[in-house]
N, C-alpha and C. Protein backbone atom coordinates (compact mmCIF):
# COMPACT_ATOMS: atom_id res chain seq x y z
N UNK A 1 130.52 78.22 119.14
CA UNK A 1 129.15 78.68 120.05
C UNK A 1 128.37 77.46 120.31
N UNK A 2 127.92 76.78 121.01
CA UNK A 2 127.09 75.68 121.43
C UNK A 2 125.61 76.46 121.33
N UNK A 3 124.94 75.92 120.20
CA UNK A 3 123.27 76.25 120.16
C UNK A 3 122.21 75.26 120.94
N UNK A 4 121.40 75.97 121.37
CA UNK A 4 120.28 75.34 122.48
C UNK A 4 119.34 74.37 120.84
N UNK A 5 118.79 73.05 121.26
CA UNK A 5 117.90 72.99 120.22
C UNK A 5 116.56 73.50 120.52
N UNK A 6 116.31 74.03 119.94
CA UNK A 6 114.80 74.08 119.50
C UNK A 6 113.64 73.32 119.98
N UNK A 7 113.02 73.05 121.10
CA UNK A 7 111.84 72.71 121.46
C UNK A 7 110.91 72.35 120.93
N UNK A 8 110.07 71.60 120.44
CA UNK A 8 108.82 71.59 119.64
C UNK A 8 107.94 70.60 120.55
N UNK A 9 106.80 71.27 120.09
CA UNK A 9 105.51 70.36 121.28
C UNK A 9 104.35 70.39 120.27
N UNK A 10 103.53 69.43 121.17
CA UNK A 10 102.24 68.78 120.54
C UNK A 10 101.08 69.45 120.71
N UNK A 11 100.14 70.00 119.63
CA UNK A 11 99.22 70.27 120.03
C UNK A 11 98.54 70.24 121.39
N UNK A 12 98.59 69.16 121.80
CA UNK A 12 98.33 68.58 123.04
C UNK A 12 99.32 69.26 124.66
N UNK A 13 100.56 69.05 124.21
CA UNK A 13 101.21 69.90 125.30
C UNK A 13 101.00 71.03 124.98
N UNK A 14 100.78 71.69 123.88
CA UNK A 14 100.19 73.33 124.06
C UNK A 14 99.86 73.71 124.88
N UNK A 15 98.30 72.47 124.59
CA UNK A 15 96.41 73.04 125.32
C UNK A 15 97.27 73.01 127.07
N UNK A 16 97.76 71.74 127.02
CA UNK A 16 98.08 71.70 128.59
C UNK A 16 98.56 72.40 128.95
N UNK A 17 99.82 73.38 128.35
CA UNK A 17 100.34 74.61 129.44
C UNK A 17 99.71 75.66 129.06
N UNK A 18 99.11 75.82 127.93
CA UNK A 18 97.83 77.06 128.16
C UNK A 18 96.78 77.41 129.74
N UNK A 19 97.02 75.88 129.87
CA UNK A 19 95.73 76.39 130.64
C UNK A 19 96.04 76.29 132.51
N UNK A 20 97.46 76.29 132.30
CA UNK A 20 98.06 76.70 133.69
C UNK A 20 98.88 77.57 133.65
N UNK A 21 98.82 78.42 132.09
CA UNK A 21 100.18 79.53 131.69
C UNK A 21 99.23 81.22 132.46
N UNK A 22 100.15 81.64 132.74
CA UNK A 22 99.87 82.93 133.24
C UNK A 22 99.49 83.96 131.99
N UNK A 23 99.79 83.64 130.47
CA UNK A 23 99.40 84.56 129.84
C UNK A 23 99.10 83.53 128.86
N UNK A 24 98.55 84.56 127.01
CA UNK A 24 98.44 83.53 126.29
C UNK A 24 99.35 83.68 125.47
N UNK A 25 98.97 82.35 124.81
CA UNK A 25 100.26 82.21 123.58
C UNK A 25 99.53 81.56 122.41
N UNK A 26 100.55 81.49 121.26
CA UNK A 26 99.76 81.38 120.06
C UNK A 26 100.54 79.90 119.46
N UNK A 27 100.43 79.22 118.68
CA UNK A 27 100.58 77.92 118.49
C UNK A 27 101.01 78.01 116.97
N UNK A 28 101.78 77.33 116.60
CA UNK A 28 102.07 76.77 115.06
C UNK A 28 103.16 76.32 114.81
N UNK A 29 102.89 75.16 113.63
CA UNK A 29 103.89 74.59 113.71
C UNK A 29 104.80 73.97 114.76
N UNK A 30 104.36 73.24 115.77
CA UNK A 30 105.21 72.67 117.38
C UNK A 30 105.71 73.89 117.92
N UNK A 31 105.58 75.21 117.51
CA UNK A 31 106.72 76.12 118.24
C UNK A 31 105.07 77.19 118.85
N UNK A 32 105.73 77.63 120.02
CA UNK A 32 105.30 78.92 120.86
C UNK A 32 105.62 79.76 120.91
N UNK A 33 104.06 80.83 120.75
CA UNK A 33 104.84 82.10 120.80
C UNK A 33 103.98 83.19 121.60
N UNK A 34 104.41 83.43 122.70
CA UNK A 34 104.00 84.36 123.76
C UNK A 34 103.38 85.76 123.03
N UNK A 35 102.29 86.25 123.84
CA UNK A 35 101.78 86.91 122.92
C UNK A 35 101.71 88.47 124.01
N UNK A 36 101.80 89.57 123.52
CA UNK A 36 102.57 90.71 124.61
C UNK A 36 100.96 91.41 124.66
N UNK A 37 101.04 91.95 125.69
CA UNK A 37 99.93 92.63 126.44
C UNK A 37 99.48 93.60 125.66
N UNK A 38 98.37 94.15 125.72
CA UNK A 38 97.71 95.16 124.78
C UNK A 38 97.56 96.53 125.51
N UNK A 39 97.70 97.52 124.29
CA UNK A 39 97.55 98.74 124.84
C UNK A 39 96.39 99.14 125.71
N UNK A 40 96.02 100.73 125.78
CA UNK A 40 94.68 101.09 126.50
C UNK A 40 94.04 101.88 124.99
N UNK A 41 94.94 101.92 123.79
CA UNK A 41 93.94 102.05 122.99
C UNK A 41 93.46 100.75 122.24
N UNK A 42 94.38 99.83 122.39
CA UNK A 42 93.65 98.49 121.95
C UNK A 42 92.84 97.88 122.67
N UNK A 43 92.74 97.82 123.42
CA UNK A 43 91.64 97.60 124.60
C UNK A 43 90.31 98.17 124.04
N UNK A 44 90.09 99.37 124.31
CA UNK A 44 89.58 100.59 123.78
C UNK A 44 88.30 100.24 122.72
N UNK A 45 89.48 99.76 121.41
CA UNK A 45 89.47 100.07 120.00
C UNK A 45 88.16 98.46 120.13
N UNK A 46 89.21 97.49 120.56
CA UNK A 46 87.78 96.05 120.57
C UNK A 46 86.50 96.15 121.34
N UNK A 47 86.71 97.07 122.79
CA UNK A 47 85.68 96.93 123.78
C UNK A 47 84.91 98.28 122.61
N UNK A 48 84.80 98.81 121.99
CA UNK A 48 83.96 99.52 120.76
C UNK A 48 83.06 98.84 120.23
N UNK A 49 84.41 97.67 119.35
CA UNK A 49 83.68 97.14 118.34
C UNK A 49 82.65 95.96 119.30
N UNK A 50 83.49 95.27 120.34
CA UNK A 50 82.25 94.45 120.78
C UNK A 50 80.42 94.86 120.81
N UNK A 51 81.09 96.44 122.06
CA UNK A 51 80.05 97.08 122.13
C UNK A 51 78.91 96.93 120.31
N UNK A 52 79.76 97.97 119.78
CA UNK A 52 78.64 98.12 118.25
C UNK A 52 77.98 97.01 117.67
N UNK A 53 78.69 96.19 117.44
CA UNK A 53 78.45 94.60 117.10
C UNK A 53 77.86 93.97 117.31
N UNK A 54 77.30 94.13 119.11
CA UNK A 54 76.27 93.63 119.40
C UNK A 54 74.99 94.08 119.30
N UNK A 55 74.62 95.47 119.34
CA UNK A 55 74.14 96.78 119.42
C UNK A 55 73.58 96.46 118.09
N UNK A 56 73.95 96.45 117.19
CA UNK A 56 73.63 96.22 115.61
C UNK A 56 73.47 94.88 114.91
N UNK A 57 73.77 93.88 116.02
CA UNK A 57 73.78 92.77 115.05
C UNK A 57 72.37 92.26 114.69
N UNK A 58 71.89 92.10 113.77
CA UNK A 58 70.17 91.94 113.14
C UNK A 58 70.07 90.56 113.47
N UNK A 59 70.91 89.47 113.79
CA UNK A 59 70.50 88.37 114.16
C UNK A 59 70.97 87.96 115.56
N UNK A 60 70.05 87.29 115.93
CA UNK A 60 70.72 86.66 117.86
C UNK A 60 71.28 85.59 118.06
N UNK A 61 71.62 84.73 116.47
CA UNK A 61 72.00 83.88 116.47
C UNK A 61 73.80 84.04 116.13
N UNK A 62 73.88 85.44 116.34
CA UNK A 62 75.71 85.45 115.92
C UNK A 62 76.04 85.60 117.67
N UNK A 63 77.65 85.30 117.70
CA UNK A 63 77.87 85.88 119.18
C UNK A 63 79.47 86.77 118.60
N UNK A 64 79.17 87.36 119.36
CA UNK A 64 80.63 88.47 119.16
C UNK A 64 81.03 88.02 120.56
N UNK A 65 82.98 87.71 120.16
CA UNK A 65 83.52 86.85 121.35
C UNK A 65 84.77 87.72 121.31
N UNK A 66 85.51 87.93 122.29
CA UNK A 66 86.74 88.98 122.99
C UNK A 66 87.58 87.99 122.57
N UNK A 67 89.12 88.70 122.60
CA UNK A 67 90.13 88.27 122.42
C UNK A 67 90.88 86.94 123.80
N UNK A 68 89.57 87.12 124.83
CA UNK A 68 90.39 85.12 125.43
C UNK A 68 89.88 84.28 124.85
N UNK A 69 89.37 84.05 123.69
CA UNK A 69 88.46 82.84 123.23
C UNK A 69 89.51 82.34 121.99
N UNK A 70 90.36 81.25 122.48
CA UNK A 70 90.89 80.78 121.25
C UNK A 70 90.56 80.08 120.27
N UNK A 71 90.89 80.30 119.03
CA UNK A 71 90.75 79.78 117.23
C UNK A 71 91.86 79.01 117.37
N UNK A 72 91.21 77.68 116.45
CA UNK A 72 92.35 76.62 115.41
C UNK A 72 91.25 76.96 114.57
N UNK A 73 92.61 77.27 113.79
CA UNK A 73 92.39 76.85 112.24
C UNK A 73 93.31 75.55 111.77
N UNK A 74 92.17 74.48 111.87
CA UNK A 74 92.41 73.36 111.51
C UNK A 74 93.66 72.42 110.35
N UNK A 75 92.85 73.12 109.01
CA UNK A 75 94.00 73.62 108.31
C UNK A 75 95.34 73.69 108.16
N UNK A 76 95.70 74.41 109.16
CA UNK A 76 97.12 74.71 109.21
C UNK A 76 98.04 74.59 111.00
N UNK A 77 97.05 74.62 111.67
CA UNK A 77 96.93 74.30 112.69
C UNK A 77 97.55 74.90 114.21
N UNK A 78 96.89 76.43 113.72
CA UNK A 78 97.24 77.72 113.65
C UNK A 78 96.21 77.73 115.07
N UNK A 79 97.09 78.07 116.45
CA UNK A 79 96.27 78.32 117.68
C UNK A 79 96.66 79.58 117.76
N UNK A 80 95.31 80.24 117.80
CA UNK A 80 95.48 81.89 118.42
C UNK A 80 94.44 82.59 118.97
N UNK A 81 94.54 83.96 119.31
CA UNK A 81 93.61 84.12 119.70
C UNK A 81 93.21 85.84 119.13
N UNK A 82 92.29 85.59 117.80
CA UNK A 82 91.93 87.03 117.87
C UNK A 82 91.66 88.14 118.44
N UNK A 83 91.66 89.33 118.23
CA UNK A 83 90.96 90.70 119.02
C UNK A 83 90.01 90.64 119.39
N UNK A 84 89.21 90.39 118.16
CA UNK A 84 87.90 90.07 118.01
C UNK A 84 86.74 89.27 116.88
N UNK A 85 85.83 88.58 117.69
CA UNK A 85 85.73 86.84 115.95
C UNK A 85 84.50 87.13 116.61
N UNK A 86 83.45 87.04 115.38
CA UNK A 86 81.98 86.74 115.58
C UNK A 86 81.84 85.08 114.66
N UNK A 87 80.94 84.81 115.70
CA UNK A 87 80.71 83.11 114.92
C UNK A 87 78.98 83.39 114.74
N UNK A 88 78.37 82.85 113.82
CA UNK A 88 77.48 83.29 112.94
C UNK A 88 76.49 81.28 112.96
N UNK A 89 75.35 81.43 113.89
CA UNK A 89 74.99 79.90 113.99
C UNK A 89 75.68 79.41 115.57
N UNK A 90 75.50 78.00 114.90
CA UNK A 90 76.33 77.13 116.53
C UNK A 90 77.72 77.51 116.47
N UNK A 91 78.63 77.47 117.57
CA UNK A 91 79.89 77.55 117.75
C UNK A 91 80.21 76.46 117.49
N UNK A 92 81.45 76.07 116.72
CA UNK A 92 81.93 74.74 116.51
C UNK A 92 83.25 74.85 117.40
N UNK A 93 83.43 73.82 118.43
CA UNK A 93 84.66 73.40 119.24
C UNK A 93 85.57 72.91 118.84
N UNK A 94 86.91 72.61 118.98
CA UNK A 94 88.07 71.94 119.10
C UNK A 94 87.51 71.01 119.97
N UNK A 95 87.22 69.44 119.14
CA UNK A 95 87.29 68.40 120.55
C UNK A 95 86.61 69.03 122.08
N UNK A 96 85.36 69.63 121.23
CA UNK A 96 84.75 69.62 122.98
C UNK A 96 85.09 70.63 123.64
N UNK A 97 85.99 71.19 123.47
CA UNK A 97 86.84 72.44 124.46
C UNK A 97 86.01 73.99 124.17
N UNK A 98 85.54 74.20 125.16
CA UNK A 98 84.26 75.18 125.00
C UNK A 98 85.15 76.55 125.00
N UNK A 99 86.54 76.56 124.67
CA UNK A 99 87.89 77.98 124.89
C UNK A 99 88.18 77.69 123.38
N UNK A 100 87.46 77.56 122.42
CA UNK A 100 88.55 77.18 122.09
C UNK A 100 87.22 76.71 120.32
N UNK A 101 87.05 77.83 119.62
CA UNK A 101 86.09 77.96 118.43
C UNK A 101 86.98 77.79 116.85
N UNK A 102 86.28 77.31 116.21
CA UNK A 102 86.67 76.82 115.16
C UNK A 102 86.08 77.40 113.82
N UNK A 103 85.03 78.32 113.77
CA UNK A 103 84.13 78.67 112.45
C UNK A 103 83.87 80.21 112.97
N UNK A 104 84.77 81.20 113.27
CA UNK A 104 84.53 82.34 113.08
C UNK A 104 84.01 82.98 111.68
N UNK A 105 82.83 83.54 111.58
CA UNK A 105 82.71 84.38 110.17
C UNK A 105 83.59 85.77 109.99
N UNK A 106 83.89 86.59 110.98
CA UNK A 106 84.29 87.36 110.76
C UNK A 106 85.48 87.33 111.71
N UNK A 107 86.52 88.01 111.49
CA UNK A 107 88.14 88.15 112.32
C UNK A 107 88.39 89.19 112.27
N UNK A 108 88.61 90.08 113.96
CA UNK A 108 89.15 91.48 113.87
C UNK A 108 90.13 91.91 114.56
N UNK A 109 91.48 91.97 113.79
CA UNK A 109 93.16 92.33 114.98
C UNK A 109 93.11 93.74 115.04
N UNK A 110 93.15 93.95 115.61
CA UNK A 110 93.89 95.56 116.19
C UNK A 110 95.14 95.96 116.04
N UNK A 111 95.41 96.80 114.68
CA UNK A 111 97.07 96.93 114.42
C UNK A 111 98.10 97.36 115.64
N UNK A 112 98.97 97.28 116.23
CA UNK A 112 100.08 97.36 116.71
C UNK A 112 101.42 97.64 115.97
N UNK A 113 102.08 98.31 116.26
CA UNK A 113 103.59 98.81 115.66
C UNK A 113 104.30 97.18 115.45
N UNK A 114 104.05 95.96 116.66
CA UNK A 114 105.15 95.05 116.59
C UNK A 114 104.32 94.06 115.89
N UNK A 115 102.68 94.07 115.49
CA UNK A 115 102.41 93.14 115.05
C UNK A 115 101.59 92.75 113.86
N UNK A 116 101.42 94.71 113.18
CA UNK A 116 100.73 94.90 112.38
C UNK A 116 101.32 93.91 111.20
N UNK A 117 102.45 93.98 110.81
CA UNK A 117 103.34 93.23 109.36
C UNK A 117 102.61 91.72 109.40
N UNK A 118 102.60 90.79 111.05
CA UNK A 118 102.43 89.51 110.74
C UNK A 118 100.45 89.68 110.21
N UNK A 119 100.04 90.52 111.14
CA UNK A 119 98.24 90.59 110.80
C UNK A 119 97.89 90.54 109.38
N UNK A 120 98.96 91.76 109.22
CA UNK A 120 98.46 91.79 107.29
C UNK A 120 98.59 90.85 106.70
N UNK A 121 99.79 90.31 106.95
CA UNK A 121 100.39 89.03 105.79
C UNK A 121 100.22 87.64 106.42
N UNK A 122 101.06 87.02 107.12
CA UNK A 122 101.62 86.04 107.97
C UNK A 122 100.40 85.36 107.97
N UNK A 123 99.67 85.99 109.28
CA UNK A 123 98.35 85.68 110.12
C UNK A 123 97.09 85.55 109.23
N UNK A 124 96.83 86.45 108.03
CA UNK A 124 95.97 86.56 106.97
C UNK A 124 95.93 85.44 106.13
N UNK A 125 97.45 84.96 105.52
CA UNK A 125 97.46 84.01 105.02
C UNK A 125 96.72 82.39 105.55
N UNK A 126 96.86 82.65 106.83
CA UNK A 126 96.77 81.27 107.83
C UNK A 126 95.37 81.29 107.66
N UNK A 127 94.83 81.92 108.19
CA UNK A 127 93.09 82.50 108.71
C UNK A 127 92.75 82.46 107.47
N UNK A 128 92.87 82.86 106.05
CA UNK A 128 92.03 82.08 105.01
C UNK A 128 91.71 80.86 104.67
N UNK A 129 92.56 79.90 105.45
CA UNK A 129 92.25 78.80 105.49
C UNK A 129 91.23 78.34 105.95
N UNK A 130 90.66 79.07 106.69
CA UNK A 130 89.32 78.52 107.15
C UNK A 130 88.42 78.99 106.47
N UNK A 131 87.38 77.93 106.20
CA UNK A 131 86.36 78.25 105.24
C UNK A 131 85.15 78.54 105.55
N UNK A 132 85.19 79.24 107.16
CA UNK A 132 83.35 79.98 107.23
C UNK A 132 84.21 81.84 107.37
N UNK A 133 85.58 81.46 107.05
CA UNK A 133 85.92 83.18 107.57
C UNK A 133 85.38 83.84 106.01
N UNK A 134 85.14 85.05 106.02
CA UNK A 134 84.23 85.64 104.95
C UNK A 134 84.49 87.11 104.98
N UNK A 135 84.53 87.76 106.40
CA UNK A 135 85.87 88.76 106.22
C UNK A 135 86.25 89.10 107.10
N UNK A 136 87.60 89.79 107.06
CA UNK A 136 88.96 90.36 108.16
C UNK A 136 89.02 91.88 108.31
N UNK A 137 88.67 92.15 109.15
CA UNK A 137 89.00 93.92 109.58
C UNK A 137 90.49 93.66 110.19
N UNK A 138 91.32 94.80 110.17
CA UNK A 138 92.51 95.53 110.46
C UNK A 138 92.49 96.56 110.71
N UNK A 139 92.55 96.89 111.95
CA UNK A 139 92.12 98.43 112.72
C UNK A 139 93.19 98.81 113.61
N UNK A 140 93.71 100.02 112.73
CA UNK A 140 94.98 100.98 113.24
C UNK A 140 95.10 101.74 114.48
N UNK A 141 95.80 101.23 115.70
CA UNK A 141 95.01 102.35 116.76
C UNK A 141 95.77 103.51 116.79
N UNK A 142 97.00 103.25 116.00
CA UNK A 142 97.69 104.99 116.16
C UNK A 142 97.19 106.24 115.31
N UNK A 143 96.35 105.63 114.02
CA UNK A 143 95.84 106.21 113.70
C UNK A 143 93.97 106.09 113.19
N UNK A 144 93.57 106.88 112.18
CA UNK A 144 92.18 106.41 111.28
C UNK A 144 93.07 105.80 110.55
N UNK A 145 92.33 104.19 110.73
CA UNK A 145 92.72 103.39 109.21
C UNK A 145 92.33 102.61 109.50
N UNK A 146 91.34 102.03 108.53
CA UNK A 146 90.90 100.07 108.70
C UNK A 146 90.62 99.60 107.62
N UNK A 147 91.48 98.33 107.55
CA UNK A 147 91.51 97.82 106.02
C UNK A 147 89.99 96.67 106.26
N UNK A 148 89.38 96.95 105.42
CA UNK A 148 88.26 95.71 105.46
C UNK A 148 88.45 94.57 104.44
N UNK A 149 88.58 93.38 104.21
CA UNK A 149 88.65 92.44 103.59
C UNK A 149 87.33 91.33 103.42
N UNK A 150 86.98 91.52 102.43
CA UNK A 150 85.57 90.56 101.93
C UNK A 150 86.10 89.49 101.18
N UNK A 151 85.65 88.58 101.47
CA UNK A 151 85.78 86.92 100.44
C UNK A 151 84.89 87.06 99.49
N UNK A 152 85.22 86.97 98.51
CA UNK A 152 84.17 87.15 97.03
C UNK A 152 83.85 85.65 96.96
N UNK A 153 82.67 85.29 95.87
CA UNK A 153 82.39 84.08 95.64
C UNK A 153 82.96 83.13 94.96
N UNK A 154 84.01 83.99 94.08
CA UNK A 154 85.12 82.88 93.47
C UNK A 154 86.71 82.68 94.83
N UNK A 155 86.26 82.86 95.91
CA UNK A 155 87.38 82.84 96.76
C UNK A 155 88.69 83.93 96.76
N UNK A 156 88.49 84.97 96.35
CA UNK A 156 89.58 85.89 96.30
C UNK A 156 89.07 87.33 97.00
N UNK A 157 89.54 87.41 97.55
CA UNK A 157 89.24 88.72 98.71
C UNK A 157 89.80 90.13 97.73
N UNK A 158 88.45 90.90 98.60
CA UNK A 158 88.51 92.40 97.90
C UNK A 158 88.94 93.24 99.27
N UNK A 159 89.51 94.12 98.65
CA UNK A 159 89.89 95.36 100.03
C UNK A 159 89.35 96.42 100.00
N UNK A 160 89.31 97.20 100.65
CA UNK A 160 88.41 98.39 101.20
C UNK A 160 89.14 99.03 102.49
N UNK A 161 89.51 100.64 101.81
CA UNK A 161 89.68 100.87 103.07
C UNK A 161 89.30 102.08 103.51
N UNK A 162 89.03 102.60 105.23
CA UNK A 162 88.52 103.64 105.55
C UNK A 162 89.80 104.49 106.46
N UNK A 163 89.81 105.77 106.41
CA UNK A 163 90.57 106.33 106.77
C UNK A 163 89.89 107.71 107.33
N UNK A 164 88.74 107.68 107.46
CA UNK A 164 87.92 109.17 107.60
C UNK A 164 87.27 108.96 109.07
N UNK A 165 86.70 109.95 110.38
CA UNK A 165 86.20 109.83 110.72
C UNK A 165 84.57 109.94 109.91
N UNK A 166 84.31 110.00 109.02
CA UNK A 166 83.26 110.91 108.69
C UNK A 166 82.25 109.43 107.65
N UNK A 167 83.66 108.63 107.53
CA UNK A 167 83.12 107.37 106.59
C UNK A 167 82.03 106.16 107.57
N UNK A 168 81.63 105.09 107.07
CA UNK A 168 80.66 104.16 107.62
C UNK A 168 81.71 103.02 107.23
N UNK A 169 81.74 102.30 107.71
CA UNK A 169 82.10 100.39 107.47
C UNK A 169 81.24 99.40 107.66
N UNK A 170 81.09 98.84 106.35
CA UNK A 170 79.57 98.24 106.13
C UNK A 170 80.36 96.60 105.90
N UNK A 171 79.67 95.84 106.97
CA UNK A 171 80.05 94.26 107.18
C UNK A 171 78.97 93.65 106.34
N UNK A 172 79.07 93.54 105.15
CA UNK A 172 78.10 93.08 104.30
C UNK A 172 77.51 91.44 104.49
N UNK A 173 78.56 90.71 105.22
CA UNK A 173 78.08 89.44 105.74
C UNK A 173 76.91 89.13 106.71
N UNK A 174 77.27 90.18 108.01
CA UNK A 174 77.06 90.79 108.83
C UNK A 174 75.65 91.53 108.94
N UNK A 175 75.25 92.15 107.89
CA UNK A 175 74.44 93.31 107.25
C UNK A 175 74.32 94.32 108.36
N UNK A 176 75.67 94.81 108.67
CA UNK A 176 75.40 95.80 109.83
C UNK A 176 76.89 97.17 109.34
N UNK A 177 76.24 98.31 109.96
CA UNK A 177 76.99 99.42 109.34
C UNK A 177 77.58 99.87 110.59
N UNK A 178 78.69 100.31 110.25
CA UNK A 178 79.57 100.66 112.06
C UNK A 178 80.19 102.13 111.40
N UNK A 179 79.86 103.30 111.70
CA UNK A 179 80.56 104.13 111.75
C UNK A 179 81.58 104.29 112.07
N UNK A 180 82.56 104.90 111.77
CA UNK A 180 84.31 105.00 112.27
C UNK A 180 83.95 105.82 113.30
N UNK A 181 83.25 106.46 112.87
CA UNK A 181 83.62 107.98 114.45
C UNK A 181 83.16 107.23 115.60
N UNK A 182 82.81 106.09 115.62
CA UNK A 182 82.16 104.93 116.86
C UNK A 182 83.07 103.89 116.95
N UNK A 183 83.85 103.43 116.44
CA UNK A 183 84.77 102.54 116.52
C UNK A 183 86.16 103.34 117.22
N UNK A 184 86.58 104.63 116.93
CA UNK A 184 87.63 105.18 117.58
C UNK A 184 87.08 106.28 118.54
N UNK A 185 85.79 105.95 118.67
CA UNK A 185 85.68 106.89 120.00
C UNK A 185 85.85 107.05 121.07
N UNK A 186 86.39 108.56 121.84
CA UNK A 186 87.18 107.95 122.77
C UNK A 186 88.65 108.06 122.83
N UNK A 187 89.00 107.61 121.59
CA UNK A 187 90.56 107.48 120.90
C UNK A 187 91.24 108.62 121.35
N UNK A 188 92.78 108.19 121.70
CA UNK A 188 93.16 110.07 122.24
C UNK A 188 94.79 109.25 120.97
N UNK A 189 94.59 109.98 119.93
CA UNK A 189 96.32 109.46 119.59
C UNK A 189 97.41 110.04 119.65
N UNK A 190 98.57 109.21 119.67
CA UNK A 190 99.75 110.48 120.30
C UNK A 190 100.37 110.58 119.49
């Protein structure tokens, strides 16, 4: 059986394709990976988080960005679209491209059955190469369960989990408290 040779792309080729594509894709080590669409619960949780963060952000110098902003992790060349990202201070853009940030302080991924293993392991490992990243949040859309990772002074990451509607998530670097009940507001679990 004849096997096709895998095509590898440069970052410039990927970015050019993204400009005309009908869908978003991730890019890593020369390969392009199409991203699947998101469920209703996924979008509602993202919307809830964006609203809560904007309402409770103590500083006007932070920006809460939805999943349409691309992120470049310069140290490993990953281009991806986090579900929610927060940049504090002046946003830094890749080569002046205002569609690609490089300096998030917080990244939030909303887990699905197909992405949760990657979001927890491989993607988190790639994200940790971001010097600016201080907090990483994984929000399960199928049940009440949130994993909150915080970078400590020695560079290690501390995990705290939340699995009750009565709890409050404390984002220490942003000095923000988010009631779990409000993150999951109007979510119907199947």
